[in-house]
């Protein structure tokens, strides 16, 4: 579908057809810049994976501290001692 951009103040807008708005129950959209171009996705009130990941990155020290506390918990240690973790990649990559 080819759409012409409409000027709105100092910005440009894309007018979405009512058929698509109704089909996807759109109230908000997420616009992502991808290698292939612009991707428009329906937005939900639930946080997306990417949004959750950004929150985790912002709170990385607190998250790691909480994980360390949990890892030292006797019940947690007992649980993981029973599981074969030899095939799990435990390296955490930084950005």
N, C-alpha and C. Protein backbone atom coordinates (compact mmCIF):
# COMPACT_ATOMS: atom_id res chain seq x y z
N UNK A 1 0.85 -1.17 0.00
CA UNK A 1 0.00 0.00 0.00
C UNK A 1 0.90 1.24 0.00
N UNK A 2 0.66 2.15 -0.90
CA UNK A 2 1.43 3.39 -0.98
C UNK A 2 0.57 4.51 -0.42
N UNK A 3 1.13 5.28 0.51
CA UNK A 3 0.41 6.40 1.13
C UNK A 3 1.24 7.66 0.98
N UNK A 4 0.57 8.79 0.80
CA UNK A 4 1.23 10.08 0.72
C UNK A 4 1.30 10.69 2.11
N UNK A 5 2.44 11.28 2.46
CA UNK A 5 2.58 11.93 3.76
C UNK A 5 1.81 13.24 3.77
N UNK A 6 1.17 13.51 4.89
CA UNK A 6 0.40 14.73 5.09
C UNK A 6 1.15 15.63 6.07
N UNK A 7 1.20 16.92 5.79
CA UNK A 7 1.87 17.86 6.68
C UNK A 7 0.97 18.18 7.87
N UNK A 8 1.54 18.04 9.09
CA UNK A 8 0.85 18.39 10.32
C UNK A 8 1.82 19.25 11.13
N UNK A 9 1.64 20.55 11.10
CA UNK A 9 2.59 21.46 11.76
C UNK A 9 3.95 21.34 11.10
N UNK A 10 4.98 21.07 11.90
CA UNK A 10 6.33 20.89 11.35
C UNK A 10 6.64 19.42 11.06
N UNK A 11 5.64 18.55 11.21
CA UNK A 11 5.85 17.11 11.04
C UNK A 11 5.09 16.60 9.83
N UNK A 12 5.27 15.33 9.57
CA UNK A 12 4.53 14.63 8.52
C UNK A 12 3.74 13.51 9.17
N UNK A 13 2.61 13.15 8.57
CA UNK A 13 1.76 12.10 9.12
C UNK A 13 1.33 11.15 8.01
N UNK A 14 1.07 9.91 8.39
CA UNK A 14 0.50 8.93 7.48
C UNK A 14 -0.93 8.68 7.94
N UNK A 15 -1.88 8.83 7.08
CA UNK A 15 -3.28 8.55 7.41
C UNK A 15 -3.54 7.07 7.12
N UNK A 16 -3.89 6.34 8.16
CA UNK A 16 -4.16 4.91 8.01
C UNK A 16 -5.63 4.70 7.63
N UNK A 17 -5.89 3.78 6.71
CA UNK A 17 -7.27 3.50 6.33
C UNK A 17 -8.08 2.94 7.51
N UNK A 18 -9.34 3.33 7.59
CA UNK A 18 -10.23 2.87 8.67
C UNK A 18 -10.28 1.34 8.72
N UNK A 19 -10.23 0.71 7.56
CA UNK A 19 -10.28 -0.76 7.50
C UNK A 19 -9.13 -1.38 8.32
N UNK A 20 -7.91 -0.80 8.20
CA UNK A 20 -6.77 -1.32 8.97
C UNK A 20 -6.89 -0.97 10.45
N UNK A 21 -7.37 0.23 10.74
CA UNK A 21 -7.56 0.64 12.13
C UNK A 21 -8.53 -0.30 12.83
N UNK A 22 -9.63 -0.63 12.15
CA UNK A 22 -10.63 -1.54 12.72
C UNK A 22 -10.09 -2.97 12.82
N UNK A 23 -9.40 -3.40 11.78
CA UNK A 23 -8.88 -4.78 11.74
C UNK A 23 -7.92 -5.04 12.90
N UNK A 24 -7.04 -4.08 13.20
CA UNK A 24 -6.02 -4.27 14.22
C UNK A 24 -6.35 -3.57 15.54
N UNK A 25 -7.56 -3.02 15.64
CA UNK A 25 -8.02 -2.34 16.86
C UNK A 25 -7.00 -1.29 17.31
N UNK A 26 -6.60 -0.43 16.39
CA UNK A 26 -5.55 0.54 16.66
C UNK A 26 -6.05 1.76 17.43
N UNK A 27 -5.34 2.08 18.50
CA UNK A 27 -5.52 3.33 19.23
C UNK A 27 -4.18 4.05 19.29
N UNK A 28 -3.11 3.23 19.35
CA UNK A 28 -1.73 3.71 19.35
C UNK A 28 -0.93 2.76 18.47
N UNK A 29 0.19 3.26 17.92
CA UNK A 29 1.08 2.40 17.15
C UNK A 29 2.51 2.59 17.62
N UNK A 30 3.31 1.58 17.35
CA UNK A 30 4.74 1.63 17.61
C UNK A 30 5.41 1.77 16.25
N UNK A 31 6.30 2.74 16.12
CA UNK A 31 7.03 2.94 14.87
C UNK A 31 8.48 2.57 15.12
N UNK A 32 8.97 1.59 14.35
CA UNK A 32 10.35 1.13 14.52
C UNK A 32 11.13 1.38 13.25
N UNK A 33 12.36 1.82 13.41
CA UNK A 33 13.29 2.01 12.30
C UNK A 33 14.06 0.71 12.15
N UNK A 34 13.88 0.00 11.04
CA UNK A 34 14.55 -1.28 10.82
C UNK A 34 15.51 -1.16 9.64
N UNK A 35 16.30 -2.20 9.43
CA UNK A 35 17.22 -2.22 8.29
C UNK A 35 16.45 -2.18 6.96
N UNK A 36 15.24 -2.72 6.96
CA UNK A 36 14.44 -2.77 5.75
C UNK A 36 13.61 -1.51 5.54
N UNK A 37 13.45 -0.69 6.57
CA UNK A 37 12.63 0.53 6.47
C UNK A 37 11.87 0.76 7.76
N UNK A 38 10.75 1.43 7.64
CA UNK A 38 9.92 1.75 8.80
C UNK A 38 8.89 0.64 9.00
N UNK A 39 8.73 0.22 10.25
CA UNK A 39 7.77 -0.81 10.60
C UNK A 39 6.76 -0.20 11.57
N UNK A 40 5.47 -0.31 11.25
CA UNK A 40 4.42 0.21 12.11
C UNK A 40 3.68 -0.99 12.70
N UNK A 41 3.65 -1.05 14.04
CA UNK A 41 3.01 -2.16 14.75
C UNK A 41 1.93 -1.64 15.68
N UNK A 42 0.90 -2.45 15.92
CA UNK A 42 -0.09 -2.05 16.93
C UNK A 42 0.55 -1.96 18.30
N UNK A 43 0.22 -0.94 19.06
CA UNK A 43 0.73 -0.80 20.42
C UNK A 43 -0.33 -1.34 21.37
N UNK A 44 0.14 -1.98 22.42
CA UNK A 44 -0.77 -2.48 23.44
C UNK A 44 -0.47 -1.76 24.74
N UNK A 45 -1.34 -1.90 25.69
CA UNK A 45 -1.09 -1.31 27.01
C UNK A 45 -0.05 -2.12 27.78
N UNK A 46 0.18 -3.35 27.33
CA UNK A 46 1.19 -4.19 27.98
C UNK A 46 2.56 -3.80 27.43
N UNK A 47 3.56 -3.73 28.31
CA UNK A 47 4.91 -3.38 27.83
C UNK A 47 5.44 -4.42 26.84
N UNK A 48 6.08 -3.97 25.81
CA UNK A 48 6.69 -4.87 24.84
C UNK A 48 7.98 -5.44 25.42
N UNK A 49 8.48 -6.47 24.80
CA UNK A 49 9.73 -7.08 25.25
C UNK A 49 10.84 -6.04 25.28
N UNK A 50 10.90 -5.24 24.21
CA UNK A 50 11.96 -4.24 24.13
C UNK A 50 11.85 -3.23 25.27
N UNK A 51 10.63 -2.80 25.60
CA UNK A 51 10.45 -1.85 26.70
C UNK A 51 10.87 -2.46 28.02
N UNK A 52 10.52 -3.73 28.23
CA UNK A 52 10.92 -4.41 29.46
C UNK A 52 12.44 -4.54 29.53
N UNK A 53 13.06 -4.84 28.39
CA UNK A 53 14.50 -4.97 28.35
C UNK A 53 15.18 -3.64 28.67
N UNK A 54 14.64 -2.54 28.18
CA UNK A 54 15.19 -1.22 28.47
C UNK A 54 15.11 -0.91 29.96
N UNK A 55 14.00 -1.28 30.60
CA UNK A 55 13.84 -1.07 32.05
C UNK A 55 14.89 -1.89 32.79
N UNK A 56 15.09 -3.14 32.36
CA UNK A 56 16.10 -3.99 33.01
C UNK A 56 17.50 -3.39 32.86
N UNK A 57 17.79 -2.86 31.67
CA UNK A 57 19.12 -2.26 31.47
C UNK A 57 19.31 -1.04 32.35
N UNK A 58 18.27 -0.23 32.50
CA UNK A 58 18.37 0.97 33.35
C UNK A 58 18.60 0.59 34.81
N UNK A 59 18.04 -0.55 35.21
CA UNK A 59 18.11 -0.98 36.61
C UNK A 59 19.04 -2.18 36.77
N UNK A 60 20.06 -2.26 35.92
CA UNK A 60 20.93 -3.44 35.88
C UNK A 60 21.57 -3.76 37.22
N UNK A 61 22.08 -2.76 37.92
CA UNK A 61 22.74 -3.02 39.20
C UNK A 61 21.77 -3.64 40.21
N UNK A 62 20.56 -3.09 40.27
CA UNK A 62 19.56 -3.62 41.21
C UNK A 62 19.13 -5.03 40.81
N UNK A 63 18.98 -5.25 39.49
CA UNK A 63 18.57 -6.58 39.01
C UNK A 63 19.65 -7.61 39.35
N UNK A 64 20.93 -7.28 39.08
CA UNK A 64 22.01 -8.21 39.39
C UNK A 64 22.11 -8.46 40.89
N UNK A 65 21.91 -7.44 41.69
CA UNK A 65 21.95 -7.60 43.14
C UNK A 65 20.84 -8.55 43.59
N UNK A 66 19.65 -8.38 43.04
CA UNK A 66 18.52 -9.25 43.38
C UNK A 66 18.81 -10.69 42.93
N UNK A 67 19.38 -10.84 41.73
CA UNK A 67 19.71 -12.17 41.24
C UNK A 67 20.75 -12.84 42.13
N UNK A 68 21.73 -12.07 42.59
CA UNK A 68 22.77 -12.62 43.46
C UNK A 68 22.17 -13.10 44.78
N UNK A 69 21.25 -12.30 45.32
CA UNK A 69 20.58 -12.68 46.56
C UNK A 69 19.80 -13.98 46.37
N UNK A 70 19.07 -14.06 45.24
CA UNK A 70 18.29 -15.28 44.96
C UNK A 70 19.21 -16.48 44.75
N UNK A 71 20.35 -16.26 44.08
CA UNK A 71 21.26 -17.36 43.79
C UNK A 71 21.87 -17.94 45.06
N UNK A 72 21.98 -17.12 46.10
CA UNK A 72 22.55 -17.58 47.37
C UNK A 72 21.50 -18.24 48.27
N UNK A 73 20.26 -18.16 47.89
CA UNK A 73 19.17 -18.75 48.68
C UNK A 73 19.30 -20.28 48.67
N UNK A 74 19.18 -20.90 49.83
CA UNK A 74 19.36 -22.35 49.94
C UNK A 74 18.35 -23.12 49.10
N UNK A 75 17.12 -22.69 49.08
CA UNK A 75 16.09 -23.37 48.29
C UNK A 75 16.42 -23.29 46.79
N UNK A 76 16.90 -22.14 46.34
CA UNK A 76 17.28 -21.97 44.94
C UNK A 76 18.45 -22.88 44.60
N UNK A 77 19.47 -22.91 45.46
CA UNK A 77 20.63 -23.77 45.23
C UNK A 77 20.21 -25.24 45.14
N UNK A 78 19.35 -25.64 46.06
CA UNK A 78 18.87 -27.02 46.08
C UNK A 78 18.14 -27.38 44.78
N UNK A 79 17.34 -26.45 44.30
CA UNK A 79 16.58 -26.68 43.06
C UNK A 79 17.52 -26.87 41.88
N UNK A 80 18.49 -25.98 41.71
CA UNK A 80 19.38 -26.03 40.55
C UNK A 80 20.43 -27.13 40.65
N UNK A 81 20.69 -27.65 41.84
CA UNK A 81 21.62 -28.77 41.96
C UNK A 81 21.03 -30.04 41.34
N UNK A 82 19.73 -30.08 41.21
CA UNK A 82 19.04 -31.25 40.66
C UNK A 82 18.93 -31.19 39.13
N UNK A 83 19.28 -30.07 38.52
CA UNK A 83 19.11 -29.87 37.08
C UNK A 83 20.46 -29.91 36.38
N UNK A 84 20.49 -30.57 35.19
CA UNK A 84 21.72 -30.63 34.39
C UNK A 84 21.82 -29.34 33.58
N UNK A 85 22.76 -28.49 33.95
CA UNK A 85 22.94 -27.20 33.28
C UNK A 85 24.17 -27.21 32.36
N UNK A 86 24.68 -28.39 32.03
CA UNK A 86 25.91 -28.47 31.25
C UNK A 86 25.76 -27.90 29.84
N UNK A 87 24.56 -27.89 29.30
CA UNK A 87 24.34 -27.39 27.94
C UNK A 87 23.91 -25.92 27.90
N UNK A 88 23.81 -25.27 29.06
CA UNK A 88 23.34 -23.89 29.13
C UNK A 88 24.51 -22.93 28.95
N UNK A 89 24.35 -21.95 28.05
CA UNK A 89 25.37 -20.92 27.85
C UNK A 89 25.14 -19.85 28.92
N UNK A 90 26.07 -19.74 29.86
CA UNK A 90 25.89 -18.83 30.97
C UNK A 90 26.57 -17.48 30.78
N UNK A 91 27.22 -17.28 29.62
CA UNK A 91 27.86 -16.00 29.35
C UNK A 91 26.81 -14.92 29.11
N UNK A 92 26.98 -13.78 29.74
CA UNK A 92 26.09 -12.65 29.53
C UNK A 92 26.86 -11.63 28.70
N UNK A 93 26.28 -11.27 27.58
CA UNK A 93 26.95 -10.32 26.70
C UNK A 93 26.51 -8.90 27.02
N UNK A 94 27.46 -8.01 27.06
CA UNK A 94 27.20 -6.59 27.29
C UNK A 94 27.07 -5.89 25.96
N UNK A 95 26.33 -4.79 25.94
CA UNK A 95 26.22 -4.00 24.72
C UNK A 95 27.40 -3.10 24.56
